[in-house]
Amino acid sequence: MRRSARQEAATEAEQRPDDPLTRPALGAIVYVLVVFGMVVYFTFAAVRGDYGIFRRAEIEAEEKALQAQLDRLEAELARMENLTHRLSDDYLDLDLLDQQARDVLGMIRADEIVIR
């Protein structure tokens, strides 16, 4: 039985692995792998890196917590400044003086009864 020219060419192509049409291009595979690796690396860095999205969210949450703490401390400072001013020589608040004398010194008025 005689083979046709096409069948012989196909058989020869199967037998020759060095034919550029049959073997995969090694350079293309390496290029795709390098590009894929770079995409994965930069995506990871953009999400989880020192300047990534998650770090930014952590910094914003920390900023909110510190701002709340600063507001609380400023309110406490204003309250203490007000009390200090009210106890100064320039300004005398009799109600505050009475309260401090009762709390700190344990004083009472003559018409009061202490129950323990």
PDB file of N, CA and C in Angstrom:
ATOM      1  N   MET A   1       0.808  -1.151   0.000  1.00  0.00           N
ATOM      2  CA  MET A   1       0.000   0.000   0.000  1.00  0.00           C
ATOM      3  C   MET A   1       0.874   1.245   0.000  1.00  0.00           C
ATOM      4  N   ARG A   2       0.504   2.117  -0.829  1.00  0.00           N
ATOM      5  CA  ARG A   2       1.284   3.312  -0.998  1.00  0.00           C
ATOM      6  C   ARG A   2       0.645   4.487  -0.277  1.00  0.00           C
ATOM      7  N   ARG A   3       1.453   5.289   0.379  1.00  0.00           N
ATOM      8  CA  ARG A   3       0.950   6.450   1.104  1.00  0.00           C
ATOM      9  C   ARG A   3       0.940   7.654   0.208  1.00  0.00           C
ATOM     10  N   SER A   4       0.060   8.551   0.556  1.00  0.00           N
ATOM     11  CA  SER A   4       0.024   9.791  -0.211  1.00  0.00           C
ATOM     12  C   SER A   4       1.079  10.741   0.351  1.00  0.00           C
ATOM     13  N   ALA A   5       1.339  11.811  -0.372  1.00  0.00           N
ATOM     14  CA  ALA A   5       2.354  12.788   0.024  1.00  0.00           C
ATOM     15  C   ALA A   5       1.962  13.494   1.314  1.00  0.00           C
ATOM     16  N   ARG A   6       0.699  13.707   1.503  1.00  0.00           N
ATOM     17  CA  ARG A   6       0.236  14.372   2.729  1.00  0.00           C
ATOM     18  C   ARG A   6       0.453  13.486   3.945  1.00  0.00           C
ATOM     19  N   GLN A   7       0.159  12.233   3.799  1.00  0.00           N
ATOM     20  CA  GLN A   7       0.339  11.312   4.922  1.00  0.00           C
ATOM     21  C   GLN A   7       1.809  11.200   5.281  1.00  0.00           C
ATOM     22  N   GLU A   8       2.684  11.199   4.303  1.00  0.00           N
ATOM     23  CA  GLU A   8       4.111  11.119   4.572  1.00  0.00           C
ATOM     24  C   GLU A   8       4.607  12.396   5.259  1.00  0.00           C
ATOM     25  N   ALA A   9       4.108  13.541   4.837  1.00  0.00           N
ATOM     26  CA  ALA A   9       4.508  14.807   5.454  1.00  0.00           C
ATOM     27  C   ALA A   9       4.031  14.884   6.897  1.00  0.00           C
ATOM     28  N   ALA A  10       2.820  14.396   7.146  1.00  0.00           N
ATOM     29  CA  ALA A  10       2.286  14.397   8.507  1.00  0.00           C
ATOM     30  C   ALA A  10       3.090  13.462   9.392  1.00  0.00           C
ATOM     31  N   THR A  11       3.470  12.319   8.864  1.00  0.00           N
ATOM     32  CA  THR A  11       4.255  11.367   9.632  1.00  0.00           C
ATOM     33  C   THR A  11       5.630  11.945   9.949  1.00  0.00           C
ATOM     34  N   GLU A  12       6.228  12.624   8.988  1.00  0.00           N
ATOM     35  CA  GLU A  12       7.531  13.239   9.218  1.00  0.00           C
ATOM     36  C   GLU A  12       7.430  14.356  10.268  1.00  0.00           C
ATOM     37  N   ALA A  13       6.362  15.118  10.259  1.00  0.00           N
ATOM     38  CA  ALA A  13       6.178  16.203  11.226  1.00  0.00           C
ATOM     39  C   ALA A  13       6.012  15.650  12.633  1.00  0.00           C
ATOM     40  N   GLU A  14       5.368  14.503  12.743  1.00  0.00           N
ATOM     41  CA  GLU A  14       5.188  13.893  14.056  1.00  0.00           C
ATOM     42  C   GLU A  14       6.505  13.347  14.577  1.00  0.00           C
ATOM     43  N   GLN A  15       7.363  12.935  13.671  1.00  0.00           N
ATOM     44  CA  GLN A  15       8.629  12.347  14.072  1.00  0.00           C
ATOM     45  C   GLN A  15       9.678  13.406  14.398  1.00  0.00           C
ATOM     46  N   ARG A  16       9.525  14.635  13.905  1.00  0.00           N
ATOM     47  CA  ARG A  16      10.504  15.699  14.136  1.00  0.00           C
ATOM     48  C   ARG A  16      10.026  16.633  15.245  1.00  0.00           C
ATOM     49  N   PRO A  17      10.485  16.482  16.485  1.00  0.00           N
ATOM     50  CA  PRO A  17      10.041  17.374  17.567  1.00  0.00           C
ATOM     51  C   PRO A  17      10.666  18.756  17.490  1.00  0.00           C
ATOM     52  N   ASP A  18      11.707  18.929  16.686  1.00  0.00           N
ATOM     53  CA  ASP A  18      12.362  20.222  16.588  1.00  0.00           C
ATOM     54  C   ASP A  18      11.639  21.175  15.651  1.00  0.00           C
ATOM     55  N   ASP A  19      10.595  20.754  15.053  1.00  0.00           N
ATOM     56  CA  ASP A  19       9.857  21.603  14.128  1.00  0.00           C
ATOM     57  C   ASP A  19       9.221  22.746  14.921  1.00  0.00           C
ATOM     58  N   PRO A  20       9.452  24.013  14.539  1.00  0.00           N
ATOM     59  CA  PRO A  20       8.918  25.143  15.310  1.00  0.00           C
ATOM     60  C   PRO A  20       7.396  25.187  15.334  1.00  0.00           C
ATOM     61  N   LEU A  21       6.741  24.525  14.452  1.00  0.00           N
ATOM     62  CA  LEU A  21       5.279  24.524  14.447  1.00  0.00           C
ATOM     63  C   LEU A  21       4.710  23.547  15.458  1.00  0.00           C
ATOM     64  N   THR A  22       5.476  22.555  15.860  1.00  0.00           N
ATOM     65  CA  THR A  22       4.946  21.542  16.765  1.00  0.00           C
ATOM     66  C   THR A  22       5.381  21.733  18.210  1.00  0.00           C
ATOM     67  N   ARG A  23       6.537  22.305  18.483  1.00  0.00           N
ATOM     68  CA  ARG A  23       6.959  22.480  19.866  1.00  0.00           C
ATOM     69  C   ARG A  23       6.533  23.870  20.360  1.00  0.00           C
ATOM     70  N   PRO A  24       6.237  23.979  21.649  1.00  0.00           N
ATOM     71  CA  PRO A  24       5.847  25.297  22.184  1.00  0.00           C
ATOM     72  C   PRO A  24       7.065  26.222  22.234  1.00  0.00           C
ATOM     73  N   ALA A  25       6.814  27.485  22.056  1.00  0.00           N
ATOM     74  CA  ALA A  25       7.895  28.468  22.087  1.00  0.00           C
ATOM     75  C   ALA A  25       8.286  28.715  23.537  1.00  0.00           C
ATOM     76  N   LEU A  26       9.482  28.353  23.888  1.00  0.00           N
ATOM     77  CA  LEU A  26       9.959  28.472  25.268  1.00  0.00           C
ATOM     78  C   LEU A  26      10.018  29.933  25.712  1.00  0.00           C
ATOM     79  N   GLY A  27      10.433  30.820  24.827  1.00  0.00           N
ATOM     80  CA  GLY A  27      10.503  32.241  25.163  1.00  0.00           C
ATOM     81  C   GLY A  27       9.138  32.821  25.509  1.00  0.00           C
ATOM     82  N   ALA A  28       8.104  32.404  24.779  1.00  0.00           N
ATOM     83  CA  ALA A  28       6.752  32.898  25.041  1.00  0.00           C
ATOM     84  C   ALA A  28       6.253  32.406  26.397  1.00  0.00           C
ATOM     85  N   ILE A  29       6.555  31.154  26.716  1.00  0.00           N
ATOM     86  CA  ILE A  29       6.119  30.606  28.000  1.00  0.00           C
ATOM     87  C   ILE A  29       6.828  31.323  29.143  1.00  0.00           C
ATOM     88  N   VAL A  30       8.098  31.565  29.011  1.00  0.00           N
ATOM     89  CA  VAL A  30       8.852  32.284  30.055  1.00  0.00           C
ATOM     90  C   VAL A  30       8.330  33.706  30.193  1.00  0.00           C
ATOM     91  N   TYR A  31       8.053  34.347  29.092  1.00  0.00           N
ATOM     92  CA  TYR A  31       7.528  35.719  29.123  1.00  0.00           C
ATOM     93  C   TYR A  31       6.191  35.765  29.844  1.00  0.00           C
ATOM     94  N   VAL A  32       5.301  34.850  29.527  1.00  0.00           N
ATOM     95  CA  VAL A  32       3.982  34.821  30.178  1.00  0.00           C
ATOM     96  C   VAL A  32       4.133  34.563  31.668  1.00  0.00           C
ATOM     97  N   LEU A  33       5.026  33.642  32.047  1.00  0.00           N
ATOM     98  CA  LEU A  33       5.227  33.354  33.467  1.00  0.00           C
ATOM     99  C   LEU A  33       5.816  34.554  34.215  1.00  0.00           C
ATOM    100  N   VAL A  34       6.747  35.256  33.596  1.00  0.00           N
ATOM    101  CA  VAL A  34       7.346  36.432  34.237  1.00  0.00           C
ATOM    102  C   VAL A  34       6.297  37.536  34.396  1.00  0.00           C
ATOM    103  N   VAL A  35       5.508  37.774  33.361  1.00  0.00           N
ATOM    104  CA  VAL A  35       4.463  38.803  33.442  1.00  0.00           C
ATOM    105  C   VAL A  35       3.431  38.424  34.496  1.00  0.00           C
ATOM    106  N   PHE A  36       3.038  37.166  34.519  1.00  0.00           N
ATOM    107  CA  PHE A  36       2.065  36.716  35.521  1.00  0.00           C
ATOM    108  C   PHE A  36       2.633  36.882  36.931  1.00  0.00           C
ATOM    109  N   GLY A  37       3.905  36.523  37.119  1.00  0.00           N
ATOM    110  CA  GLY A  37       4.533  36.701  38.422  1.00  0.00           C
ATOM    111  C   GLY A  37       4.574  38.149  38.858  1.00  0.00           C
ATOM    112  N   MET A  38       4.875  39.036  37.925  1.00  0.00           N
ATOM    113  CA  MET A  38       4.906  40.468  38.258  1.00  0.00           C
ATOM    114  C   MET A  38       3.520  40.981  38.608  1.00  0.00           C
ATOM    115  N   VAL A  39       2.503  40.536  37.887  1.00  0.00           N
ATOM    116  CA  VAL A  39       1.125  40.956  38.183  1.00  0.00           C
ATOM    117  C   VAL A  39       0.730  40.491  39.579  1.00  0.00           C
ATOM    118  N   VAL A  40       1.055  39.246  39.907  1.00  0.00           N
ATOM    119  CA  VAL A  40       0.720  38.726  41.234  1.00  0.00           C
ATOM    120  C   VAL A  40       1.469  39.509  42.310  1.00  0.00           C
ATOM    121  N   TYR A  41       2.745  39.780  42.107  1.00  0.00           N
ATOM    122  CA  TYR A  41       3.541  40.508  43.097  1.00  0.00           C
ATOM    123  C   TYR A  41       2.999  41.912  43.333  1.00  0.00           C
ATOM    124  N   PHE A  42       2.748  42.647  42.254  1.00  0.00           N
ATOM    125  CA  PHE A  42       2.282  44.025  42.426  1.00  0.00           C
ATOM    126  C   PHE A  42       0.861  44.086  42.966  1.00  0.00           C
ATOM    127  N   THR A  43       0.043  43.108  42.627  1.00  0.00           N
ATOM    128  CA  THR A  43      -1.301  43.062  43.203  1.00  0.00           C
ATOM    129  C   THR A  43      -1.217  42.812  44.703  1.00  0.00           C
ATOM    130  N   PHE A  44      -0.381  41.882  45.103  1.00  0.00           N
ATOM    131  CA  PHE A  44      -0.202  41.613  46.529  1.00  0.00           C
ATOM    132  C   PHE A  44       0.332  42.844  47.253  1.00  0.00           C
ATOM    133  N   ALA A  45       1.311  43.514  46.640  1.00  0.00           N
ATOM    134  CA  ALA A  45       1.884  44.709  47.268  1.00  0.00           C
ATOM    135  C   ALA A  45       0.848  45.826  47.375  1.00  0.00           C
ATOM    136  N   ALA A  46      -0.014  45.944  46.385  1.00  0.00           N
ATOM    137  CA  ALA A  46      -1.036  46.995  46.412  1.00  0.00           C
ATOM    138  C   ALA A  46      -2.095  46.722  47.470  1.00  0.00           C
ATOM    139  N   VAL A  47      -2.312  45.476  47.793  1.00  0.00           N
ATOM    140  CA  VAL A  47      -3.351  45.137  48.757  1.00  0.00           C
ATOM    141  C   VAL A  47      -2.780  44.980  50.164  1.00  0.00           C
ATOM    142  N   ARG A  48      -1.706  44.227  50.313  1.00  0.00           N
ATOM    143  CA  ARG A  48      -1.197  43.890  51.626  1.00  0.00           C
ATOM    144  C   ARG A  48       0.124  44.545  51.994  1.00  0.00           C
ATOM    145  N   GLY A  49       0.709  45.335  51.136  1.00  0.00           N
ATOM    146  CA  GLY A  49       2.025  45.914  51.386  1.00  0.00           C
ATOM    147  C   GLY A  49       1.995  47.022  52.430  1.00  0.00           C
ATOM    148  N   ASP A  50       3.170  47.618  52.666  1.00  0.00           N
ATOM    149  CA  ASP A  50       3.297  48.694  53.655  1.00  0.00           C
ATOM    150  C   ASP A  50       2.446  49.904  53.290  1.00  0.00           C
ATOM    151  N   TYR A  51       2.232  50.131  52.019  1.00  0.00           N
ATOM    152  CA  TYR A  51       1.426  51.259  51.561  1.00  0.00           C
ATOM    153  C   TYR A  51       0.165  50.773  50.864  1.00  0.00           C
ATOM    154  N   GLY A  52      -0.285  49.568  51.177  1.00  0.00           N
ATOM    155  CA  GLY A  52      -1.424  48.958  50.510  1.00  0.00           C
ATOM    156  C   GLY A  52      -2.755  49.404  51.084  1.00  0.00           C
ATOM    157  N   ILE A  53      -3.786  48.803  50.527  1.00  0.00           N
ATOM    158  CA  ILE A  53      -5.162  49.166  50.899  1.00  0.00           C
ATOM    159  C   ILE A  53      -5.448  48.808  52.355  1.00  0.00           C
ATOM    160  N   PHE A  54      -5.034  47.612  52.791  1.00  0.00           N
ATOM    161  CA  PHE A  54      -5.303  47.209  54.171  1.00  0.00           C
ATOM    162  C   PHE A  54      -4.567  48.102  55.163  1.00  0.00           C
ATOM    163  N   ARG A  55      -3.333  48.471  54.869  1.00  0.00           N
ATOM    164  CA  ARG A  55      -2.571  49.347  55.762  1.00  0.00           C
ATOM    165  C   ARG A  55      -3.226  50.726  55.848  1.00  0.00           C
ATOM    166  N   ARG A  56      -3.754  51.190  54.707  1.00  0.00           N
ATOM    167  CA  ARG A  56      -4.426  52.486  54.709  1.00  0.00           C
ATOM    168  C   ARG A  56      -5.670  52.445  55.590  1.00  0.00           C
ATOM    169  N   ALA A  57      -6.415  51.348  55.514  1.00  0.00           N
ATOM    170  CA  ALA A  57      -7.608  51.211  56.362  1.00  0.00           C
ATOM    171  C   ALA A  57      -7.218  51.177  57.836  1.00  0.00           C
ATOM    172  N   GLU A  58      -6.113  50.486  58.165  1.00  0.00           N
ATOM    173  CA  GLU A  58      -5.644  50.457  59.550  1.00  0.00           C
ATOM    174  C   GLU A  58      -5.257  51.857  60.027  1.00  0.00           C
ATOM    175  N   ILE A  59      -4.584  52.607  59.178  1.00  0.00           N
ATOM    176  CA  ILE A  59      -4.154  53.954  59.553  1.00  0.00           C
ATOM    177  C   ILE A  59      -5.359  54.864  59.752  1.00  0.00           C
ATOM    178  N   GLU A  60      -6.370  54.742  58.892  1.00  0.00           N
ATOM    179  CA  GLU A  60      -7.563  55.575  59.046  1.00  0.00           C
ATOM    180  C   GLU A  60      -8.321  55.232  60.316  1.00  0.00           C
ATOM    181  N   ALA A  61      -8.398  53.942  60.664  1.00  0.00           N
ATOM    182  CA  ALA A  61      -9.058  53.549  61.911  1.00  0.00           C
ATOM    183  C   ALA A  61      -8.283  54.065  63.116  1.00  0.00           C
ATOM    184  N   GLU A  62      -6.963  53.982  63.045  1.00  0.00           N
ATOM    185  CA  GLU A  62      -6.127  54.492  64.136  1.00  0.00           C
ATOM    186  C   GLU A  62      -6.274  56.007  64.256  1.00  0.00           C
ATOM    187  N   GLU A  63      -6.386  56.683  63.115  1.00  0.00           N
ATOM    188  CA  GLU A  63      -6.564  58.136  63.140  1.00  0.00           C
ATOM    189  C   GLU A  63      -7.879  58.508  63.827  1.00  0.00           C
ATOM    190  N   LYS A  64      -8.950  57.779  63.533  1.00  0.00           N
ATOM    191  CA  LYS A  64     -10.237  58.059  64.169  1.00  0.00           C
ATOM    192  C   LYS A  64     -10.165  57.833  65.676  1.00  0.00           C
ATOM    193  N   ALA A  65      -9.493  56.754  66.092  1.00  0.00           N
ATOM    194  CA  ALA A  65      -9.375  56.468  67.523  1.00  0.00           C
ATOM    195  C   ALA A  65      -8.557  57.551  68.218  1.00  0.00           C
ATOM    196  N   LEU A  66      -7.465  57.971  67.586  1.00  0.00           N
ATOM    197  CA  LEU A  66      -6.637  59.022  68.188  1.00  0.00           C
ATOM    198  C   LEU A  66      -7.363  60.364  68.213  1.00  0.00           C
ATOM    199  N   GLN A  67      -8.159  60.652  67.193  1.00  0.00           N
ATOM    200  CA  GLN A  67      -8.931  61.896  67.172  1.00  0.00           C
ATOM    201  C   GLN A  67      -9.972  61.905  68.285  1.00  0.00           C
ATOM    202  N   ALA A  68     -10.620  60.761  68.518  1.00  0.00           N
ATOM    203  CA  ALA A  68     -11.592  60.664  69.613  1.00  0.00           C
ATOM    204  C   ALA A  68     -10.893  60.850  70.959  1.00  0.00           C
ATOM    205  N   GLN A  69      -9.712  60.264  71.113  1.00  0.00           N
ATOM    206  CA  GLN A  69      -8.953  60.428  72.352  1.00  0.00           C
ATOM    207  C   GLN A  69      -8.538  61.886  72.530  1.00  0.00           C
ATOM    208  N   LEU A  70      -8.111  62.549  71.458  1.00  0.00           N
ATOM    209  CA  LEU A  70      -7.733  63.953  71.532  1.00  0.00           C
ATOM    210  C   LEU A  70      -8.926  64.820  71.925  1.00  0.00           C
ATOM    211  N   ASP A  71     -10.085  64.562  71.344  1.00  0.00           N
ATOM    212  CA  ASP A  71     -11.281  65.331  71.692  1.00  0.00           C
ATOM    213  C   ASP A  71     -11.639  65.151  73.167  1.00  0.00           C
ATOM    214  N   ARG A  72     -11.523  63.898  73.650  1.00  0.00           N
ATOM    215  CA  ARG A  72     -11.829  63.634  75.058  1.00  0.00           C
ATOM    216  C   ARG A  72     -10.844  64.369  75.971  1.00  0.00           C
ATOM    217  N   LEU A  73      -9.562  64.349  75.623  1.00  0.00           N
ATOM    218  CA  LEU A  73      -8.562  65.030  76.447  1.00  0.00           C
ATOM    219  C   LEU A  73      -8.721  66.548  76.409  1.00  0.00           C
ATOM    220  N   GLU A  74      -9.092  67.077  75.248  1.00  0.00           N
ATOM    221  CA  GLU A  74      -9.321  68.526  75.163  1.00  0.00           C
ATOM    222  C   GLU A  74     -10.514  68.943  76.007  1.00  0.00           C
ATOM    223  N   ALA A  75     -11.566  68.115  76.033  1.00  0.00           N
ATOM    224  CA  ALA A  75     -12.739  68.425  76.865  1.00  0.00           C
ATOM    225  C   ALA A  75     -12.366  68.372  78.341  1.00  0.00           C
ATOM    226  N   GLU A  76     -11.562  67.369  78.710  1.00  0.00           N
ATOM    227  CA  GLU A  76     -11.121  67.273  80.100  1.00  0.00           C
ATOM    228  C   GLU A  76     -10.232  68.450  80.481  1.00  0.00           C
ATOM    229  N   LEU A  77      -9.369  68.870  79.574  1.00  0.00           N
ATOM    230  CA  LEU A  77      -8.501  70.024  79.824  1.00  0.00           C
ATOM    231  C   LEU A  77      -9.335  71.294  79.991  1.00  0.00           C
ATOM    232  N   ALA A  78     -10.342  71.468  79.161  1.00  0.00           N
ATOM    233  CA  ALA A  78     -11.199  72.652  79.278  1.00  0.00           C
ATOM    234  C   ALA A  78     -11.945  72.657  80.611  1.00  0.00           C
ATOM    235  N   ARG A  79     -12.404  71.466  81.038  1.00  0.00           N
ATOM    236  CA  ARG A  79     -13.103  71.376  82.321  1.00  0.00           C
ATOM    237  C   ARG A  79     -12.158  71.731  83.465  1.00  0.00           C
ATOM    238  N   MET A  80     -10.927  71.232  83.417  1.00  0.00           N
ATOM    239  CA  MET A  80      -9.949  71.529  84.482  1.00  0.00           C
ATOM    240  C   MET A  80      -9.555  73.004  84.476  1.00  0.00           C
ATOM    241  N   GLU A  81      -9.407  73.579  83.276  1.00  0.00           N
ATOM    242  CA  GLU A  81      -9.097  75.014  83.208  1.00  0.00           C
ATOM    243  C   GLU A  81     -10.232  75.837  83.792  1.00  0.00           C
ATOM    244  N   ASN A  82     -11.463  75.412  83.537  1.00  0.00           N
ATOM    245  CA  ASN A  82     -12.626  76.122  84.089  1.00  0.00           C
ATOM    246  C   ASN A  82     -12.629  76.022  85.616  1.00  0.00           C
ATOM    247  N   LEU A  83     -12.371  74.836  86.144  1.00  0.00           N
ATOM    248  CA  LEU A  83     -12.328  74.687  87.610  1.00  0.00           C
ATOM    249  C   LEU A  83     -11.184  75.497  88.208  1.00  0.00           C
ATOM    250  N   THR A  84     -10.040  75.488  87.559  1.00  0.00           N
ATOM    251  CA  THR A  84      -8.898  76.261  88.055  1.00  0.00           C
ATOM    252  C   THR A  84      -9.212  77.747  88.053  1.00  0.00           C
ATOM    253  N   HIS A  85      -9.848  78.203  86.993  1.00  0.00           N
ATOM    254  CA  HIS A  85     -10.212  79.611  86.916  1.00  0.00           C
ATOM    255  C   HIS A  85     -11.226  79.975  88.004  1.00  0.00           C
ATOM    256  N   ARG A  86     -12.168  79.077  88.252  1.00  0.00           N
ATOM    257  CA  ARG A  86     -13.193  79.363  89.247  1.00  0.00           C
ATOM    258  C   ARG A  86     -12.639  79.359  90.670  1.00  0.00           C
ATOM    259  N   LEU A  87     -11.491  78.721  90.870  1.00  0.00           N
ATOM    260  CA  LEU A  87     -10.877  78.713  92.197  1.00  0.00           C
ATOM    261  C   LEU A  87      -9.758  79.743  92.325  1.00  0.00           C
ATOM    262  N   SER A  88      -9.521  80.525  91.303  1.00  0.00           N
ATOM    263  CA  SER A  88      -8.423  81.485  91.350  1.00  0.00           C
ATOM    264  C   SER A  88      -8.792  82.694  92.212  1.00  0.00           C
ATOM    265  N   ASP A  89      -7.780  83.535  92.460  1.00  0.00           N
ATOM    266  CA  ASP A  89      -8.001  84.726  93.278  1.00  0.00           C
ATOM    267  C   ASP A  89      -8.837  85.773  92.550  1.00  0.00           C
ATOM    268  N   ASP A  90      -8.764  85.786  91.233  1.00  0.00           N
ATOM    269  CA  ASP A  90      -9.510  86.773  90.457  1.00  0.00           C
ATOM    270  C   ASP A  90     -11.004  86.472  90.399  1.00  0.00           C
ATOM    271  N   TYR A  91     -11.354  85.232  90.553  1.00  0.00           N
ATOM    272  CA  TYR A  91     -12.744  84.825  90.400  1.00  0.00           C
ATOM    273  C   TYR A  91     -13.041  83.820  91.499  1.00  0.00           C
ATOM    274  N   LEU A  92     -14.058  84.045  92.274  1.00  0.00           N
ATOM    275  CA  LEU A  92     -14.380  83.137  93.367  1.00  0.00           C
ATOM    276  C   LEU A  92     -15.817  82.663  93.224  1.00  0.00           C
ATOM    277  N   ASP A  93     -15.962  81.373  93.015  1.00  0.00           N
ATOM    278  CA  ASP A  93     -17.286  80.759  92.915  1.00  0.00           C
ATOM    279  C   ASP A  93     -17.600  80.145  94.280  1.00  0.00           C
ATOM    280  N   LEU A  94     -18.541  80.702  94.966  1.00  0.00           N
ATOM    281  CA  LEU A  94     -18.845  80.258  96.326  1.00  0.00           C
ATOM    282  C   LEU A  94     -19.393  78.832  96.355  1.00  0.00           C
ATOM    283  N   ASP A  95     -20.174  78.477  95.364  1.00  0.00           N
ATOM    284  CA  ASP A  95     -20.703  77.109  95.320  1.00  0.00           C
ATOM    285  C   ASP A  95     -19.574  76.090  95.150  1.00  0.00           C
ATOM    286  N   LEU A  96     -18.620  76.396  94.273  1.00  0.00           N
ATOM    287  CA  LEU A  96     -17.492  75.487  94.076  1.00  0.00           C
ATOM    288  C   LEU A  96     -16.628  75.436  95.333  1.00  0.00           C
ATOM    289  N   LEU A  97     -16.428  76.558  95.967  1.00  0.00           N
ATOM    290  CA  LEU A  97     -15.646  76.589  97.199  1.00  0.00           C
ATOM    291  C   LEU A  97     -16.315  75.748  98.287  1.00  0.00           C
ATOM    292  N   ASP A  98     -17.629  75.863  98.401  1.00  0.00           N
ATOM    293  CA  ASP A  98     -18.385  75.072  99.372  1.00  0.00           C
ATOM    294  C   ASP A  98     -18.258  73.576  99.063  1.00  0.00           C
ATOM    295  N   GLN A  99     -18.365  73.223  97.797  1.00  0.00           N
ATOM    296  CA  GLN A  99     -18.252  71.814  97.395  1.00  0.00           C
ATOM    297  C   GLN A  99     -16.860  71.273  97.700  1.00  0.00           C
ATOM    298  N   GLN A 100     -15.836  72.037  97.402  1.00  0.00           N
ATOM    299  CA  GLN A 100     -14.465  71.582  97.660  1.00  0.00           C
ATOM    300  C   GLN A 100     -14.212  71.461  99.168  1.00  0.00           C
ATOM    301  N   ALA A 101     -14.723  72.381  99.946  1.00  0.00           N
ATOM    302  CA  ALA A 101     -14.543  72.305 101.402  1.00  0.00           C
ATOM    303  C   ALA A 101     -15.222  71.064 101.960  1.00  0.00           C
ATOM    304  N   ARG A 102     -16.376  70.714 101.437  1.00  0.00           N
ATOM    305  CA  ARG A 102     -17.072  69.507 101.889  1.00  0.00           C
ATOM    306  C   ARG A 102     -16.321  68.248 101.463  1.00  0.00           C
ATOM    307  N   ASP A 103     -15.901  68.186 100.184  1.00  0.00           N
ATOM    308  CA  ASP A 103     -15.260  66.983  99.659  1.00  0.00           C
ATOM    309  C   ASP A 103     -13.854  66.789 100.226  1.00  0.00           C
ATOM    310  N   VAL A 104     -13.049  67.809 100.177  1.00  0.00           N
ATOM    311  CA  VAL A 104     -11.637  67.665 100.544  1.00  0.00           C
ATOM    312  C   VAL A 104     -11.444  67.720 102.055  1.00  0.00           C
ATOM    313  N   LEU A 105     -12.038  68.711 102.691  1.00  0.00           N
ATOM    314  CA  LEU A 105     -11.809  68.911 104.121  1.00  0.00           C
ATOM    315  C   LEU A 105     -12.820  68.201 105.011  1.00  0.00           C
ATOM    316  N   GLY A 106     -13.912  67.715 104.416  1.00  0.00           N
ATOM    317  CA  GLY A 106     -14.930  67.028 105.204  1.00  0.00           C
ATOM    318  C   GLY A 106     -15.713  67.961 106.101  1.00  0.00           C
ATOM    319  N   MET A 107     -15.864  69.213 105.712  1.00  0.00           N
ATOM    320  CA  MET A 107     -16.566  70.193 106.527  1.00  0.00           C
ATOM    321  C   MET A 107     -18.064  70.118 106.266  1.00  0.00           C
ATOM    322  N   ILE A 108     -18.832  70.509 107.282  1.00  0.00           N
ATOM    323  CA  ILE A 108     -20.285  70.596 107.150  1.00  0.00           C
ATOM    324  C   ILE A 108     -20.747  71.910 107.759  1.00  0.00           C
ATOM    325  N   ARG A 109     -21.971  72.277 107.410  1.00  0.00           N
ATOM    326  CA  ARG A 109     -22.538  73.485 108.013  1.00  0.00           C
ATOM    327  C   ARG A 109     -23.118  73.144 109.393  1.00  0.00           C
ATOM    328  N   ALA A 110     -23.360  74.170 110.144  1.00  0.00           N
ATOM    329  CA  ALA A 110     -23.842  73.964 111.520  1.00  0.00           C
ATOM    330  C   ALA A 110     -25.243  73.375 111.535  1.00  0.00           C
ATOM    331  N   ASP A 111     -26.053  73.640 110.517  1.00  0.00           N
ATOM    332  CA  ASP A 111     -27.437  73.157 110.528  1.00  0.00           C
ATOM    333  C   ASP A 111     -27.592  71.803 109.829  1.00  0.00           C
ATOM    334  N   GLU A 112     -26.492  71.132 109.490  1.00  0.00           N
ATOM    335  CA  GLU A 112     -26.561  69.821 108.815  1.00  0.00           C
ATOM    336  C   GLU A 112     -26.287  68.694 109.774  1.00  0.00           C
ATOM    337  N   ILE A 113     -26.846  67.534 109.461  1.00  0.00           N
ATOM    338  CA  ILE A 113     -26.652  66.329 110.274  1.00  0.00           C
ATOM    339  C   ILE A 113     -25.941  65.324 109.390  1.00  0.00           C
ATOM    340  N   VAL A 114     -24.891  64.702 109.896  1.00  0.00           N
ATOM    341  CA  VAL A 114     -24.134  63.704 109.151  1.00  0.00           C
ATOM    342  C   VAL A 114     -24.629  62.322 109.529  1.00  0.00           C
ATOM    343  N   ILE A 115     -24.990  61.542 108.516  1.00  0.00           N
ATOM    344  CA  ILE A 115     -25.440  60.178 108.727  1.00  0.00           C
ATOM    345  C   ILE A 115     -24.427  59.265 108.062  1.00  0.00           C
ATOM    346  N   ARG A 116     -23.917  58.309 108.822  1.00  0.00           N
ATOM    347  CA  ARG A 116     -22.928  57.381 108.278  1.00  0.00           C
ATOM    348  C   ARG A 116     -23.469  56.001 108.182  1.00  0.00           C
TER     349      ARG A 116
END
